Protein backbone atom coordinates (compact mmCIF):
# COMPACT_ATOMS: atom_id res chain seq x y z
CA ALA A 1 2.59 16.06 31.71
CA TYR A 2 3.55 14.78 28.29
CA GLU A 3 2.11 16.88 25.48
CA ILE A 4 1.60 15.51 21.96
CA PRO A 5 2.51 18.04 19.26
CA LYS A 6 -0.47 19.13 17.19
CA ARG A 7 0.15 17.72 13.72
CA ASP A 8 -1.48 15.26 11.41
CA TRP A 9 0.99 12.38 11.65
CA SER A 10 -0.76 10.08 9.20
CA SER A 11 -0.86 12.62 6.38
CA ASP A 12 2.77 13.62 7.04
CA VAL A 13 3.87 10.04 6.49
CA CYS A 14 1.56 9.14 3.60
CA SER A 15 2.01 12.27 1.55
CA SER A 16 5.77 11.82 1.36
CA ASP A 17 6.08 8.02 1.19
CA LEU A 18 3.18 6.84 -0.98
CA PRO A 19 3.46 7.75 -4.66
CA TRP A 20 0.24 8.90 -6.30
CA SER A 21 -0.73 10.48 -9.60
CA SER A 22 -3.29 12.83 -11.05
CA GLY A 23 -4.14 13.86 -14.59
CA PRO A 24 -6.94 14.94 -16.91
CA SER A 25 -8.55 11.48 -16.56
CA ILE A 26 -7.89 8.26 -14.71
CA GLU A 27 -7.40 6.50 -18.04
CA ASP A 28 -4.61 8.99 -18.96
CA VAL A 29 -2.88 8.31 -15.65
CA LEU A 30 -3.17 4.54 -16.08
CA HIS A 31 -1.79 4.62 -19.63
CA ALA A 32 1.17 6.69 -18.38
CA ARG A 33 1.84 4.23 -15.54
CA ARG A 34 1.62 1.28 -17.95
CA ALA A 35 4.16 3.00 -20.22
CA GLU A 36 6.46 3.19 -17.16
CA GLY A 37 6.17 -0.58 -16.68
CA TYR A 38 3.47 -0.73 -14.01
CA ASP A 39 0.96 -3.59 -13.79
CA ILE A 40 -2.49 -1.92 -13.59
CA LEU A 41 -4.65 -3.53 -10.91
CA ALA A 42 -8.29 -2.75 -10.14
CA LEU A 43 -9.67 -3.85 -6.77
CA GLU A 44 -13.26 -4.81 -7.57
CA ARG A 45 -15.42 -7.84 -6.99
CA GLY A 46 -17.21 -9.07 -10.09
CA GLU A 47 -17.02 -10.85 -13.41
CA GLY A 48 -13.45 -11.60 -14.42
CA SER A 49 -11.97 -10.86 -11.00
CA ILE A 50 -9.46 -13.20 -9.38
CA PRO A 51 -8.81 -13.68 -5.68
CA LEU A 52 -6.10 -11.35 -4.41
CA TYR A 53 -4.04 -14.27 -3.08
CA ARG A 54 -3.84 -15.83 -6.57
CA TYR A 55 -2.14 -12.77 -8.05
CA GLN A 56 1.65 -12.88 -8.10
CA PRO A 57 2.66 -9.26 -7.39
CA ALA A 58 4.68 -7.59 -10.13
CA GLU A 59 7.68 -5.47 -9.21
CA LYS A 60 5.74 -2.30 -10.05
CA CYS A 61 1.99 -2.19 -9.36
CA CYS A 62 -0.57 0.58 -9.75
CA LEU A 63 -3.59 -0.18 -7.57
CA VAL A 64 -6.92 1.46 -8.47
CA LEU A 65 -9.62 1.70 -5.81
CA GLY A 66 -13.22 2.53 -6.61
CA HIS A 67 -15.90 4.66 -5.07
CA GLU A 68 -17.30 3.23 -1.84
CA ILE A 69 -20.71 2.54 -3.41
CA LEU A 70 -20.24 2.82 -7.19
CA GLY A 71 -17.00 0.82 -7.38
CA VAL A 72 -14.38 1.07 -10.12
CA PRO A 73 -15.69 2.63 -13.38
CA GLU A 74 -16.16 0.25 -16.34
CA GLY A 75 -13.57 2.12 -18.43
CA VAL A 76 -10.97 1.57 -15.73
CA LEU A 77 -11.86 -2.12 -15.44
CA ALA A 78 -11.37 -2.43 -19.21
CA THR A 79 -7.95 -0.75 -18.89
CA ALA A 80 -6.75 -2.90 -15.97
CA ASP A 81 -4.29 -5.75 -16.50
CA HIS A 82 -5.88 -7.62 -13.60
CA ILE A 83 -9.09 -7.24 -11.60
CA LEU A 84 -8.55 -8.46 -8.05
CA GLU A 85 -11.05 -9.23 -5.32
CA ILE A 86 -10.74 -9.95 -1.63
CA PRO A 87 -12.60 -13.22 -0.98
CA MET A 88 -15.12 -13.06 1.84
CA HIS A 89 -17.20 -15.59 3.74
CA GLY A 90 -20.77 -15.08 4.84
CA ARG A 91 -23.43 -12.71 3.55
CA LYS A 92 -21.45 -9.49 3.36
CA GLU A 93 -20.08 -8.89 -0.14
CA SER A 94 -17.92 -5.83 0.36
CA LEU A 95 -15.51 -4.10 2.69
CA ASN A 96 -15.02 -0.44 3.49
CA VAL A 97 -12.71 0.91 0.77
CA THR A 98 -10.02 1.93 3.26
CA VAL A 99 -10.01 -1.54 4.84
CA ALA A 100 -9.86 -3.17 1.39
CA ALA A 101 -7.03 -0.83 0.39
CA GLY A 102 -5.04 -1.78 3.48
CA ILE A 103 -5.49 -5.50 2.86
CA ALA A 104 -4.54 -5.19 -0.82
CA MET A 105 -1.50 -2.96 -0.23
CA TYR A 106 -0.24 -5.26 2.51
CA TYR A 107 -0.56 -8.29 0.23
CA LEU A 108 1.06 -6.53 -2.72
CA ARG A 109 4.02 -5.61 -0.55
CA TRP A 110 4.36 -8.68 1.70
CA GLY A 111 2.03 -11.40 0.38
CA ASP A 112 4.64 -13.33 -1.57
CA CYS A 113 7.24 -13.27 1.22
CA GLN A 114 8.06 -16.56 2.91
């Protein structure tokens, strides 16, 4: 019988291929990324947000995701270059943060491809 090795495949791939940052505060990290030429994007539905599909992805993007219930903190929204939302139809006004992250990252990578 075929036996699957016991390892966490998803974390093996993500931890080495997806850049991430940490620091004393999220604002410090965002200011550092901006200094490196990144476009700071917050994924949050609300005042001032634009539909994800209307954003033309920059070469270097830093995507900020909020807490599942509390969303992106106001200080981070004030720091962001763009606040993006995923348009939805019907009564539901939000997606699970991991689903929203997947949609946004896919668009930022492939959305402008023909």
